[in-house]
């Protein structure tokens, strides 16, 4: 297996794209999974808008037909040249893993394969296949820590040749993370708001990202982690009263549980205690919240966090499909998560 660390991938995308033809991106940060997969796809040199050269599939497209993945990767391009097979899946589909096992037996010729997967746990079939094959580049995508977020801020600021004050940067770091795509979108919004200004200060960051509604949303997330039913309902009322979309609570809670899931997985992989994780990894967690996060890490198991994250993701999908029921779905889901927290913290 060739597993690439974050700094290894970020510093040598061009070299990596020439060294491998099979790439598996996985982890709880789906925004980062998508971003890194797109970087590799762009560096390969195949026109991504060419339907004859690029085949895009979902995990459901392979359902019951493991042979399709093998056939797609071995087919010749209609007009010659290399092809790209790009699959978005959860990573747990049997047809996907069965097909990948066959494809990974030898080096692909005339084709590249990119797989975007979800939070695939250690010991899952997809990771076992990656561990046993030198032809696969495995790229884990976990929630950004402060160092990665700071690098992202610098990269976006360099495009507009703007600077940011230390206080504004510190506050911005506390607001970003969890999902790379969401972080990038927030930065784009900030830079558009500050267009023409040489320097971005704390007030500008607070105006466009840290508005008053964020406080209520954060209160709701903390109440969920504490298992505080009354505290959650009180914070939810404040969110509704401020005219903030209730969806924001659901999204913030998902971000928090994705972070907890990544931290818990790291704890189990490295056999560390919650306090050690919080000490050794700078994750933009305010010092006042660290005891709360540590309690949650002790109370929630990795499998329970994974299930709860999936349930929150499903609820977000439901709010998009049933806009009229958004508030009911969000509050019911988060109240259920609050009660789950209460049970685990007893």
C-alpha atoms as a PDB file:
ATOM      1  CA  UNK A   1       0.000   0.000   0.000  1.00  0.00           C
ATOM      2  CA  UNK A   2       1.061   3.549  -0.652  1.00  0.00           C
ATOM      3  CA  UNK A   3      -0.739   5.809   1.814  1.00  0.00           C
ATOM      4  CA  UNK A   4      -0.051   9.482   1.291  1.00  0.00           C
ATOM      5  CA  UNK A   5      -0.056  11.934   4.175  1.00  0.00           C
ATOM      6  CA  UNK A   6      -1.656  15.351   3.724  1.00  0.00           C
ATOM      7  CA  UNK A   7       1.618  17.244   3.329  1.00  0.00           C
ATOM      8  CA  UNK A   8       2.958  14.619   0.885  1.00  0.00           C
ATOM      9  CA  UNK A   9      -0.096  14.925  -1.324  1.00  0.00           C
ATOM     10  CA  UNK A  10      -0.337  18.720  -1.206  1.00  0.00           C
ATOM     11  CA  UNK A  11       3.341  19.206  -2.081  1.00  0.00           C
ATOM     12  CA  UNK A  12       3.606  16.824  -5.036  1.00  0.00           C
ATOM     13  CA  UNK A  13       0.304  16.321  -6.851  1.00  0.00           C
ATOM     14  CA  UNK A  14       1.972  16.348 -10.283  1.00  0.00           C
ATOM     15  CA  UNK A  15       4.501  13.670  -9.307  1.00  0.00           C
ATOM     16  CA  UNK A  16       1.847  11.494  -7.668  1.00  0.00           C
ATOM     17  CA  UNK A  17      -0.419  11.642 -10.729  1.00  0.00           C
ATOM     18  CA  UNK A  18       2.451  10.292 -12.861  1.00  0.00           C
ATOM     19  CA  UNK A  19       3.407   7.559 -10.389  1.00  0.00           C
ATOM     20  CA  UNK A  20      -0.004   5.921 -10.006  1.00  0.00           C
ATOM     21  CA  UNK A  21      -3.061   5.150 -12.098  1.00  0.00           C
ATOM     22  CA  UNK A  22      -5.413   4.111  -9.285  1.00  0.00           C
ATOM     23  CA  UNK A  23      -6.358   6.603  -6.568  1.00  0.00           C
ATOM     24  CA  UNK A  24      -8.652   6.058  -3.596  1.00  0.00           C
ATOM     25  CA  UNK A  25      -9.652   9.149  -1.590  1.00  0.00           C
ATOM     26  CA  UNK A  26     -11.521   8.457   1.644  1.00  0.00           C
ATOM     27  CA  UNK A  27     -12.345  10.041   4.999  1.00  0.00           C
ATOM     28  CA  UNK A  28     -14.950  12.040   6.916  1.00  0.00           C
ATOM     29  CA  UNK A  29     -14.165  15.337   5.145  1.00  0.00           C
ATOM     30  CA  UNK A  30     -16.125  14.846   1.927  1.00  0.00           C
ATOM     31  CA  UNK A  31     -15.216  18.341   0.765  1.00  0.00           C
ATOM     32  CA  UNK A  32     -11.508  17.503   0.982  1.00  0.00           C
ATOM     33  CA  UNK A  33     -12.097  14.122  -0.685  1.00  0.00           C
ATOM     34  CA  UNK A  34     -13.752  15.877  -3.626  1.00  0.00           C
ATOM     35  CA  UNK A  35     -11.124  18.636  -3.807  1.00  0.00           C
ATOM     36  CA  UNK A  36      -8.160  16.270  -3.842  1.00  0.00           C
ATOM     37  CA  UNK A  37      -9.785  13.947  -6.359  1.00  0.00           C
ATOM     38  CA  UNK A  38     -10.374  16.955  -8.624  1.00  0.00           C
ATOM     39  CA  UNK A  39      -6.723  18.027  -8.267  1.00  0.00           C
ATOM     40  CA  UNK A  40      -5.520  14.613  -9.416  1.00  0.00           C
ATOM     41  CA  UNK A  41      -8.059  14.529 -12.258  1.00  0.00           C
ATOM     42  CA  UNK A  42      -6.886  17.934 -13.495  1.00  0.00           C
ATOM     43  CA  UNK A  43      -3.199  16.964 -13.301  1.00  0.00           C
ATOM     44  CA  UNK A  44      -3.634  13.773 -15.350  1.00  0.00           C
ATOM     45  CA  UNK A  45      -4.117  15.821 -18.514  1.00  0.00           C
ATOM     46  CA  UNK A  46      -7.320  14.237 -19.804  1.00  0.00           C
ATOM     47  CA  UNK A  47      -9.992  16.762 -20.926  1.00  0.00           C
ATOM     48  CA  UNK A  48     -12.570  16.446 -18.148  1.00  0.00           C
ATOM     49  CA  UNK A  49     -15.388  17.720 -20.389  1.00  0.00           C
ATOM     50  CA  UNK A  50     -14.812  14.968 -22.971  1.00  0.00           C
ATOM     51  CA  UNK A  51     -17.583  12.358 -22.500  1.00  0.00           C
ATOM     52  CA  UNK A  52     -15.629   9.859 -24.625  1.00  0.00           C
ATOM     53  CA  UNK A  53     -12.560  10.093 -22.374  1.00  0.00           C
ATOM     54  CA  UNK A  54     -14.170  10.446 -18.942  1.00  0.00           C
ATOM     55  CA  UNK A  55     -16.649   7.992 -17.419  1.00  0.00           C
ATOM     56  CA  UNK A  56     -18.365   9.170 -14.218  1.00  0.00           C
ATOM     57  CA  UNK A  57     -20.159   6.591 -12.079  1.00  0.00           C
ATOM     58  CA  UNK A  58     -21.875   6.360  -8.702  1.00  0.00           C
ATOM     59  CA  UNK A  59     -21.510   3.393  -6.395  1.00  0.00           C
ATOM     60  CA  UNK A  60     -25.095   2.417  -7.215  1.00  0.00           C
ATOM     61  CA  UNK A  61     -24.153   2.067 -10.908  1.00  0.00           C
ATOM     62  CA  UNK A  62     -21.965  -0.913  -9.993  1.00  0.00           C
ATOM     63  CA  UNK A  63     -24.545  -2.572  -7.774  1.00  0.00           C
ATOM     64  CA  UNK A  64     -24.628  -6.285  -8.529  1.00  0.00           C
ATOM     65  CA  UNK A  65     -22.156  -5.895 -11.388  1.00  0.00           C
ATOM     66  CA  UNK A  66     -18.533  -5.955 -10.215  1.00  0.00           C
ATOM     67  CA  UNK A  67     -17.510  -6.746 -13.783  1.00  0.00           C
ATOM     68  CA  UNK A  68     -18.550  -3.279 -14.959  1.00  0.00           C
ATOM     69  CA  UNK A  69     -15.625  -1.625 -13.154  1.00  0.00           C
ATOM     70  CA  UNK A  70     -13.218  -4.098 -14.771  1.00  0.00           C
ATOM     71  CA  UNK A  71     -14.789  -3.557 -18.206  1.00  0.00           C
ATOM     72  CA  UNK A  72     -14.699   0.244 -17.918  1.00  0.00           C
ATOM     73  CA  UNK A  73     -11.028   0.330 -16.941  1.00  0.00           C
ATOM     74  CA  UNK A  74     -10.030  -2.017 -19.762  1.00  0.00           C
ATOM     75  CA  UNK A  75     -12.057  -0.407 -22.552  1.00  0.00           C
ATOM     76  CA  UNK A  76     -10.290   1.571 -25.264  1.00  0.00           C
ATOM     77  CA  UNK A  77     -11.095   5.207 -25.936  1.00  0.00           C
ATOM     78  CA  UNK A  78     -13.242   5.849 -28.997  1.00  0.00           C
ATOM     79  CA  UNK A  79     -10.657   8.221 -30.457  1.00  0.00           C
ATOM     80  CA  UNK A  80      -7.586   6.783 -28.738  1.00  0.00           C
ATOM     81  CA  UNK A  81      -5.702   8.301 -25.829  1.00  0.00           C
ATOM     82  CA  UNK A  82      -6.023   7.657 -22.100  1.00  0.00           C
ATOM     83  CA  UNK A  83      -9.372   7.412 -20.333  1.00  0.00           C
ATOM     84  CA  UNK A  84     -10.480   8.312 -16.815  1.00  0.00           C
ATOM     85  CA  UNK A  85     -13.006   6.326 -14.775  1.00  0.00           C
ATOM     86  CA  UNK A  86     -14.211   8.474 -11.856  1.00  0.00           C
ATOM     87  CA  UNK A  87     -16.416   6.846  -9.206  1.00  0.00           C
ATOM     88  CA  UNK A  88     -18.203   8.472  -6.256  1.00  0.00           C
ATOM     89  CA  UNK A  89     -19.336   5.947  -3.664  1.00  0.00           C
ATOM     90  CA  UNK A  90     -19.505   5.251   0.055  1.00  0.00           C
ATOM     91  CA  UNK A  91     -16.656   2.764  -0.247  1.00  0.00           C
ATOM     92  CA  UNK A  92     -18.584  -0.098   1.326  1.00  0.00           C
ATOM     93  CA  UNK A  93     -20.220  -1.361  -1.896  1.00  0.00           C
ATOM     94  CA  UNK A  94     -19.266  -5.021  -2.462  1.00  0.00           C
ATOM     95  CA  UNK A  95     -19.344  -4.649  -6.238  1.00  0.00           C
ATOM     96  CA  UNK A  96     -16.868  -1.768  -5.984  1.00  0.00           C
ATOM     97  CA  UNK A  97     -14.412  -3.634  -3.763  1.00  0.00           C
ATOM     98  CA  UNK A  98     -14.705  -6.861  -5.773  1.00  0.00           C
ATOM     99  CA  UNK A  99     -14.034  -4.993  -9.002  1.00  0.00           C
ATOM    100  CA  UNK A 100     -11.163  -2.969  -7.518  1.00  0.00           C
ATOM    101  CA  UNK A 101      -9.473  -6.133  -6.269  1.00  0.00           C
ATOM    102  CA  UNK A 102      -9.325  -7.447  -9.824  1.00  0.00           C
ATOM    103  CA  UNK A 103      -8.273  -4.122 -11.369  1.00  0.00           C
ATOM    104  CA  UNK A 104      -5.477  -3.616  -8.806  1.00  0.00           C
ATOM    105  CA  UNK A 105      -3.790  -6.926  -9.631  1.00  0.00           C
ATOM    106  CA  UNK A 106      -1.760  -5.217 -12.360  1.00  0.00           C
ATOM    107  CA  UNK A 107      -0.903  -1.705 -13.530  1.00  0.00           C
ATOM    108  CA  UNK A 108      -3.647  -0.151 -15.615  1.00  0.00           C
ATOM    109  CA  UNK A 109      -2.793   0.658 -19.226  1.00  0.00           C
ATOM    110  CA  UNK A 110      -4.508   3.494 -21.076  1.00  0.00           C
ATOM    111  CA  UNK A 111      -6.771   4.309 -18.127  1.00  0.00           C
ATOM    112  CA  UNK A 112      -6.786   6.086 -14.755  1.00  0.00           C
ATOM    113  CA  UNK A 113      -9.186   5.217 -11.935  1.00  0.00           C
ATOM    114  CA  UNK A 114     -10.272   7.679  -9.238  1.00  0.00           C
ATOM    115  CA  UNK A 115     -12.514   6.553  -6.388  1.00  0.00           C
ATOM    116  CA  UNK A 116     -14.094   9.055  -3.998  1.00  0.00           C
ATOM    117  CA  UNK A 117     -15.213   7.177  -0.890  1.00  0.00           C
ATOM    118  CA  UNK A 118     -16.684   8.133   2.463  1.00  0.00           C
ATOM    119  CA  UNK A 119     -15.350   7.527   5.961  1.00  0.00           C
ATOM    120  CA  UNK A 120     -14.009   4.003   5.418  1.00  0.00           C
ATOM    121  CA  UNK A 121     -12.952   2.443   8.709  1.00  0.00           C
ATOM    122  CA  UNK A 122      -9.731   0.567   9.338  1.00  0.00           C
ATOM    123  CA  UNK A 123     -10.250  -3.088   8.441  1.00  0.00           C
ATOM    124  CA  UNK A 124     -12.904  -2.401   5.785  1.00  0.00           C
ATOM    125  CA  UNK A 125     -12.543  -4.249   2.478  1.00  0.00           C
ATOM    126  CA  UNK A 126     -11.590  -1.128   0.518  1.00  0.00           C
ATOM    127  CA  UNK A 127      -8.670  -0.335   2.846  1.00  0.00           C
ATOM    128  CA  UNK A 128      -7.551  -3.976   2.942  1.00  0.00           C
ATOM    129  CA  UNK A 129      -7.298  -3.989  -0.843  1.00  0.00           C
ATOM    130  CA  UNK A 130      -5.291  -0.771  -0.740  1.00  0.00           C
ATOM    131  CA  UNK A 131      -2.950  -2.229   1.887  1.00  0.00           C
ATOM    132  CA  UNK A 132      -2.223  -5.278  -0.253  1.00  0.00           C
ATOM    133  CA  UNK A 133      -1.572  -3.470  -3.557  1.00  0.00           C
ATOM    134  CA  UNK A 134       1.367  -1.243  -4.495  1.00  0.00           C
ATOM    135  CA  UNK A 135      -0.606  -0.020  -7.521  1.00  0.00           C
ATOM    136  CA  UNK A 136      -3.073   1.998  -5.432  1.00  0.00           C
ATOM    137  CA  UNK A 137      -2.465   5.430  -3.922  1.00  0.00           C
ATOM    138  CA  UNK A 138      -4.577   5.651  -0.771  1.00  0.00           C
ATOM    139  CA  UNK A 139      -5.256   9.258   0.302  1.00  0.00           C
ATOM    140  CA  UNK A 140      -6.986   9.717   3.695  1.00  0.00           C
ATOM    141  CA  UNK A 141      -8.895  12.999   4.058  1.00  0.00           C
ATOM    142  CA  UNK A 142      -9.477  14.010   7.656  1.00  0.00           C
ATOM    143  CA  UNK A 143     -10.760  17.287   9.053  1.00  0.00           C
ATOM    144  CA  UNK A 144      -8.224  20.088   8.666  1.00  0.00           C
ATOM    145  CA  UNK A 145      -6.203  21.052  11.725  1.00  0.00           C
ATOM    146  CA  UNK A 146      -5.124  24.639  12.393  1.00  0.00           C
ATOM    147  CA  UNK A 147      -1.965  24.241  10.330  1.00  0.00           C
ATOM    148  CA  UNK A 148      -3.875  23.067   7.266  1.00  0.00           C
ATOM    149  CA  UNK A 149      -6.563  25.737   7.668  1.00  0.00           C
ATOM    150  CA  UNK A 150      -3.899  28.421   8.068  1.00  0.00           C
ATOM    151  CA  UNK A 151      -2.233  27.209   4.855  1.00  0.00           C
ATOM    152  CA  UNK A 152      -5.610  27.356   3.092  1.00  0.00           C
ATOM    153  CA  UNK A 153      -6.137  30.926   4.321  1.00  0.00           C
ATOM    154  CA  UNK A 154      -2.679  31.922   3.062  1.00  0.00           C
ATOM    155  CA  UNK A 155      -3.302  30.317  -0.328  1.00  0.00           C
ATOM    156  CA  UNK A 156      -6.596  32.155  -0.806  1.00  0.00           C
ATOM    157  CA  UNK A 157      -5.140  35.479   0.388  1.00  0.00           C
ATOM    158  CA  UNK A 158      -2.213  35.154  -2.011  1.00  0.00           C
ATOM    159  CA  UNK A 159      -4.628  35.100  -4.932  1.00  0.00           C
ATOM    160  CA  UNK A 160      -5.956  38.550  -4.022  1.00  0.00           C
ATOM    161  CA  UNK A 161      -2.670  39.846  -2.507  1.00  0.00           C
ATOM    162  CA  UNK A 162      -4.392  40.698   0.747  1.00  0.00           C
ATOM    163  CA  UNK A 163      -3.206  40.412   4.349  1.00  0.00           C
ATOM    164  CA  UNK A 164      -5.017  39.523   7.556  1.00  0.00           C
ATOM    165  CA  UNK A 165      -4.374  40.727  11.104  1.00  0.00           C
ATOM    166  CA  UNK A 166      -3.285  38.148  13.734  1.00  0.00           C
ATOM    167  CA  UNK A 167      -6.511  38.623  15.716  1.00  0.00           C
ATOM    168  CA  UNK A 168      -8.648  38.172  12.595  1.00  0.00           C
ATOM    169  CA  UNK A 169      -6.687  35.045  11.605  1.00  0.00           C
ATOM    170  CA  UNK A 170      -7.098  33.504  15.062  1.00  0.00           C
ATOM    171  CA  UNK A 171     -10.843  34.118  15.017  1.00  0.00           C
ATOM    172  CA  UNK A 172     -11.141  32.827  11.460  1.00  0.00           C
ATOM    173  CA  UNK A 173      -9.285  29.638  12.425  1.00  0.00           C
ATOM    174  CA  UNK A 174     -11.863  28.980  15.144  1.00  0.00           C
ATOM    175  CA  UNK A 175     -14.686  29.206  12.583  1.00  0.00           C
ATOM    176  CA  UNK A 176     -13.266  27.020   9.815  1.00  0.00           C
ATOM    177  CA  UNK A 177     -12.458  23.314   9.520  1.00  0.00           C
ATOM    178  CA  UNK A 178     -14.404  20.051   9.406  1.00  0.00           C
ATOM    179  CA  UNK A 179     -15.137  20.284   5.689  1.00  0.00           C
ATOM    180  CA  UNK A 180     -12.622  21.695   3.193  1.00  0.00           C
ATOM    181  CA  UNK A 181     -15.242  22.746   0.651  1.00  0.00           C
ATOM    182  CA  UNK A 182     -17.245  24.637   3.285  1.00  0.00           C
ATOM    183  CA  UNK A 183     -14.055  26.336   4.541  1.00  0.00           C
ATOM    184  CA  UNK A 184     -13.114  27.410   1.025  1.00  0.00           C
ATOM    185  CA  UNK A 185     -16.612  28.767   0.414  1.00  0.00           C
ATOM    186  CA  UNK A 186     -16.470  30.817   3.630  1.00  0.00           C
ATOM    187  CA  UNK A 187     -13.079  32.242   2.627  1.00  0.00           C
ATOM    188  CA  UNK A 188     -14.384  33.150  -0.828  1.00  0.00           C
ATOM    189  CA  UNK A 189     -17.307  34.944   0.796  1.00  0.00           C
ATOM    190  CA  UNK A 190     -14.939  36.856   3.097  1.00  0.00           C
ATOM    191  CA  UNK A 191     -12.583  37.907   0.288  1.00  0.00           C
ATOM    192  CA  UNK A 192     -15.491  39.070  -1.851  1.00  0.00           C
ATOM    193  CA  UNK A 193     -16.803  41.118   1.084  1.00  0.00           C
ATOM    194  CA  UNK A 194     -13.333  42.658   1.632  1.00  0.00           C
ATOM    195  CA  UNK A 195     -12.569  43.227  -2.051  1.00  0.00           C
ATOM    196  CA  UNK A 196     -10.312  46.264  -2.488  1.00  0.00           C
ATOM    197  CA  UNK A 197      -9.041  46.237   1.106  1.00  0.00           C
ATOM    198  CA  UNK A 198      -5.310  45.629   1.584  1.00  0.00           C
ATOM    199  CA  UNK A 199      -5.812  44.182   5.058  1.00  0.00           C
ATOM    200  CA  UNK A 200      -8.626  42.152   6.608  1.00  0.00           C
ATOM    201  CA  UNK A 201      -9.337  42.820  10.279  1.00  0.00           C
ATOM    202  CA  UNK A 202     -11.302  41.129  13.054  1.00  0.00           C
ATOM    203  CA  UNK A 203     -14.378  43.297  12.549  1.00  0.00           C
ATOM    204  CA  UNK A 204     -14.663  42.314   8.886  1.00  0.00           C
ATOM    205  CA  UNK A 205     -14.345  38.596   9.700  1.00  0.00           C
ATOM    206  CA  UNK A 206     -16.971  38.995  12.413  1.00  0.00           C
ATOM    207  CA  UNK A 207     -19.300  40.898  10.080  1.00  0.00           C
ATOM    208  CA  UNK A 208     -19.361  38.336   7.276  1.00  0.00           C
ATOM    209  CA  UNK A 209     -18.750  35.025   9.087  1.00  0.00           C
ATOM    210  CA  UNK A 210     -19.148  35.482  12.829  1.00  0.00           C
ATOM    211  CA  UNK A 211     -22.560  37.092  13.033  1.00  0.00           C
ATOM    212  CA  UNK A 212     -24.741  36.861  16.151  1.00  0.00           C
ATOM    213  CA  UNK A 213     -26.572  33.778  14.918  1.00  0.00           C
ATOM    214  CA  UNK A 214     -23.329  31.763  15.107  1.00  0.00           C
ATOM    215  CA  UNK A 215     -23.400  32.102  18.900  1.00  0.00           C
ATOM    216  CA  UNK A 216     -26.821  30.462  19.087  1.00  0.00           C
ATOM    217  CA  UNK A 217     -25.798  27.718  16.666  1.00  0.00           C
ATOM    218  CA  UNK A 218     -22.673  27.006  18.733  1.00  0.00           C
ATOM    219  CA  UNK A 219     -24.798  26.917  21.893  1.00  0.00           C
ATOM    220  CA  UNK A 220     -27.038  24.344  20.248  1.00  0.00           C
ATOM    221  CA  UNK A 221     -24.076  22.150  19.231  1.00  0.00           C
ATOM    222  CA  UNK A 222     -22.599  22.315  22.737  1.00  0.00           C
ATOM    223  CA  UNK A 223     -25.970  21.394  24.246  1.00  0.00           C
ATOM    224  CA  UNK A 224     -26.136  18.377  21.911  1.00  0.00           C
ATOM    225  CA  UNK A 225     -22.675  17.231  23.042  1.00  0.00           C
ATOM    226  CA  UNK A 226     -23.607  17.704  26.714  1.00  0.00           C
ATOM    227  CA  UNK A 227     -26.852  15.763  26.291  1.00  0.00           C
ATOM    228  CA  UNK A 228     -28.654  18.862  27.603  1.00  0.00           C
ATOM    229  CA  UNK A 229     -32.211  18.607  26.227  1.00  0.00           C
ATOM    230  CA  UNK A 230     -33.492  21.871  27.727  1.00  0.00           C
ATOM    231  CA  UNK A 231     -30.337  23.721  26.719  1.00  0.00           C
ATOM    232  CA  UNK A 232     -30.698  22.519  23.139  1.00  0.00           C
ATOM    233  CA  UNK A 233     -34.370  23.544  22.899  1.00  0.00           C
ATOM    234  CA  UNK A 234     -33.508  26.986  24.319  1.00  0.00           C
ATOM    235  CA  UNK A 235     -30.685  27.477  21.785  1.00  0.00           C
ATOM    236  CA  UNK A 236     -32.927  26.240  18.955  1.00  0.00           C
ATOM    237  CA  UNK A 237     -35.560  28.844  19.878  1.00  0.00           C
ATOM    238  CA  UNK A 238     -32.879  31.564  19.691  1.00  0.00           C
ATOM    239  CA  UNK A 239     -31.816  30.363  16.253  1.00  0.00           C
ATOM    240  CA  UNK A 240     -35.419  30.450  15.000  1.00  0.00           C
ATOM    241  CA  UNK A 241     -35.994  33.893  16.554  1.00  0.00           C
ATOM    242  CA  UNK A 242     -32.889  35.283  14.808  1.00  0.00           C
ATOM    243  CA  UNK A 243     -34.316  34.167  11.422  1.00  0.00           C
ATOM    244  CA  UNK A 244     -31.269  31.926  10.943  1.00  0.00           C
ATOM    245  CA  UNK A 245     -32.001  28.811   8.844  1.00  0.00           C
ATOM    246  CA  UNK A 246     -32.465  25.892  11.233  1.00  0.00           C
ATOM    247  CA  UNK A 247     -30.406  23.892   8.758  1.00  0.00           C
ATOM    248  CA  UNK A 248     -27.315  25.722  10.084  1.00  0.00           C
ATOM    249  CA  UNK A 249     -27.611  23.879  13.399  1.00  0.00           C
ATOM    250  CA  UNK A 250     -27.738  20.553  11.609  1.00  0.00           C
ATOM    251  CA  UNK A 251     -24.732  21.419   9.467  1.00  0.00           C
ATOM    252  CA  UNK A 252     -22.691  22.649  12.457  1.00  0.00           C
ATOM    253  CA  UNK A 253     -23.503  19.503  14.430  1.00  0.00           C
ATOM    254  CA  UNK A 254     -22.457  17.316  11.490  1.00  0.00           C
ATOM    255  CA  UNK A 255     -19.138  19.194  11.316  1.00  0.00           C
ATOM    256  CA  UNK A 256     -18.592  18.599  15.040  1.00  0.00           C
ATOM    257  CA  UNK A 257     -19.380  14.881  14.821  1.00  0.00           C
ATOM    258  CA  UNK A 258     -17.133  14.464  11.765  1.00  0.00           C
ATOM    259  CA  UNK A 259     -14.316  16.002  13.795  1.00  0.00           C
ATOM    260  CA  UNK A 260     -15.044  13.731  16.758  1.00  0.00           C
ATOM    261  CA  UNK A 261     -15.153  10.710  14.450  1.00  0.00           C
ATOM    262  CA  UNK A 262     -11.749  11.567  12.959  1.00  0.00           C
ATOM    263  CA  UNK A 263     -10.247  12.153  16.412  1.00  0.00           C
ATOM    264  CA  UNK A 264     -11.708   8.937  17.816  1.00  0.00           C
ATOM    265  CA  UNK A 265     -10.335   6.956  14.849  1.00  0.00           C
ATOM    266  CA  UNK A 266      -6.904   8.480  15.447  1.00  0.00           C
ATOM    267  CA  UNK A 267      -7.168   7.587  19.147  1.00  0.00           C
ATOM    268  CA  UNK A 268      -7.867   3.959  18.320  1.00  0.00           C
ATOM    269  CA  UNK A 269      -5.244   3.723  15.576  1.00  0.00           C
ATOM    270  CA  UNK A 270      -2.495   5.215  17.775  1.00  0.00           C
ATOM    271  CA  UNK A 271      -3.855   3.898  21.107  1.00  0.00           C
ATOM    272  CA  UNK A 272      -4.019   7.337  22.677  1.00  0.00           C
ATOM    273  CA  UNK A 273      -6.239   8.842  25.360  1.00  0.00           C
ATOM    274  CA  UNK A 274      -8.653  11.734  24.613  1.00  0.00           C
ATOM    275  CA  UNK A 275      -6.468  14.170  26.535  1.00  0.00           C
ATOM    276  CA  UNK A 276      -3.421  13.189  24.466  1.00  0.00           C
ATOM    277  CA  UNK A 277      -5.292  13.790  21.204  1.00  0.00           C
ATOM    278  CA  UNK A 278      -6.335  17.246  22.366  1.00  0.00           C
ATOM    279  CA  UNK A 279      -2.772  18.060  23.446  1.00  0.00           C
ATOM    280  CA  UNK A 280      -0.906  16.765  20.409  1.00  0.00           C
ATOM    281  CA  UNK A 281      -3.245  17.928  17.632  1.00  0.00           C
ATOM    282  CA  UNK A 282      -4.122  21.588  17.175  1.00  0.00           C
ATOM    283  CA  UNK A 283      -7.676  21.504  15.883  1.00  0.00           C
ATOM    284  CA  UNK A 284      -9.000  25.002  16.420  1.00  0.00           C
ATOM    285  CA  UNK A 285     -10.928  23.954  19.531  1.00  0.00           C
ATOM    286  CA  UNK A 286     -11.376  26.812  21.964  1.00  0.00           C
ATOM    287  CA  UNK A 287      -9.793  25.993  25.334  1.00  0.00           C
ATOM    288  CA  UNK A 288     -13.165  26.412  27.071  1.00  0.00           C
ATOM    289  CA  UNK A 289     -14.680  23.669  24.911  1.00  0.00           C
ATOM    290  CA  UNK A 290     -11.875  21.135  25.349  1.00  0.00           C
ATOM    291  CA  UNK A 291     -13.354  19.476  28.485  1.00  0.00           C
ATOM    292  CA  UNK A 292     -16.669  19.070  26.634  1.00  0.00           C
ATOM    293  CA  UNK A 293     -14.969  17.546  23.577  1.00  0.00           C
ATOM    294  CA  UNK A 294     -12.869  15.255  25.793  1.00  0.00           C
ATOM    295  CA  UNK A 295     -16.008  13.974  27.557  1.00  0.00           C
ATOM    296  CA  UNK A 296     -17.637  13.299  24.189  1.00  0.00           C
ATOM    297  CA  UNK A 297     -14.566  11.363  23.003  1.00  0.00           C
ATOM    298  CA  UNK A 298     -14.748   9.207  26.127  1.00  0.00           C
ATOM    299  CA  UNK A 299     -18.478   8.601  25.824  1.00  0.00           C
ATOM    300  CA  UNK A 300     -18.861   7.907  22.113  1.00  0.00           C
ATOM    301  CA  UNK A 301     -17.313   4.864  20.425  1.00  0.00           C
ATOM    302  CA  UNK A 302     -15.964   5.013  16.888  1.00  0.00           C
ATOM    303  CA  UNK A 303     -18.812   2.882  15.504  1.00  0.00           C
ATOM    304  CA  UNK A 304     -21.450   5.005  17.286  1.00  0.00           C
ATOM    305  CA  UNK A 305     -19.906   8.232  15.966  1.00  0.00           C
ATOM    306  CA  UNK A 306     -19.855   6.805  12.455  1.00  0.00           C
ATOM    307  CA  UNK A 307     -23.534   5.836  12.675  1.00  0.00           C
ATOM    308  CA  UNK A 308     -24.524   9.215  14.110  1.00  0.00           C
ATOM    309  CA  UNK A 309     -22.582  11.064  11.404  1.00  0.00           C
ATOM    310  CA  UNK A 310     -24.356   9.025   8.741  1.00  0.00           C
ATOM    311  CA  UNK A 311     -27.714   9.812  10.369  1.00  0.00           C
ATOM    312  CA  UNK A 312     -26.960  13.552  10.384  1.00  0.00           C
ATOM    313  CA  UNK A 313     -25.907  13.389   6.735  1.00  0.00           C
ATOM    314  CA  UNK A 314     -29.148  11.592   5.899  1.00  0.00           C
ATOM    315  CA  UNK A 315     -31.139  14.282   7.736  1.00  0.00           C
ATOM    316  CA  UNK A 316     -29.409  17.012   5.727  1.00  0.00           C
ATOM    317  CA  UNK A 317     -30.349  15.204   2.528  1.00  0.00           C
ATOM    318  CA  UNK A 318     -33.970  15.000   3.724  1.00  0.00           C
ATOM    319  CA  UNK A 319     -34.078  18.760   4.431  1.00  0.00           C
ATOM    320  CA  UNK A 320     -32.997  19.396   0.842  1.00  0.00           C
ATOM    321  CA  UNK A 321     -35.600  17.027  -0.538  1.00  0.00           C
ATOM    322  CA  UNK A 322     -38.407  18.333   1.704  1.00  0.00           C
ATOM    323  CA  UNK A 323     -37.813  22.064   2.180  1.00  0.00           C
ATOM    324  CA  UNK A 324     -41.168  22.598   3.868  1.00  0.00           C
ATOM    325  CA  UNK A 325     -40.190  20.190   6.655  1.00  0.00           C
ATOM    326  CA  UNK A 326     -36.645  21.499   7.132  1.00  0.00           C
ATOM    327  CA  UNK A 327     -37.147  22.851  10.673  1.00  0.00           C
ATOM    328  CA  UNK A 328     -39.027  19.761  11.883  1.00  0.00           C
ATOM    329  CA  UNK A 329     -36.443  17.349  10.466  1.00  0.00           C
ATOM    330  CA  UNK A 330     -33.491  19.319  11.859  1.00  0.00           C
ATOM    331  CA  UNK A 331     -34.863  19.787  15.376  1.00  0.00           C
ATOM    332  CA  UNK A 332     -36.177  16.210  15.649  1.00  0.00           C
ATOM    333  CA  UNK A 333     -32.833  14.788  14.473  1.00  0.00           C
ATOM    334  CA  UNK A 334     -30.725  16.975  16.771  1.00  0.00           C
ATOM    335  CA  UNK A 335     -32.982  16.312  19.748  1.00  0.00           C
ATOM    336  CA  UNK A 336     -32.515  12.594  19.148  1.00  0.00           C
ATOM    337  CA  UNK A 337     -28.717  13.095  19.000  1.00  0.00           C
ATOM    338  CA  UNK A 338     -28.905  15.074  22.262  1.00  0.00           C
ATOM    339  CA  UNK A 339     -30.659  12.177  23.979  1.00  0.00           C
ATOM    340  CA  UNK A 340     -28.054   9.767  22.593  1.00  0.00           C
ATOM    341  CA  UNK A 341     -25.315  11.986  24.083  1.00  0.00           C
ATOM    342  CA  UNK A 342     -27.056  12.006  27.456  1.00  0.00           C
ATOM    343  CA  UNK A 343     -27.088   8.196  27.528  1.00  0.00           C
ATOM    344  CA  UNK A 344     -23.405   7.934  26.633  1.00  0.00           C
ATOM    345  CA  UNK A 345     -22.255  10.514  29.174  1.00  0.00           C
ATOM    346  CA  UNK A 346     -24.002   8.940  32.163  1.00  0.00           C
END
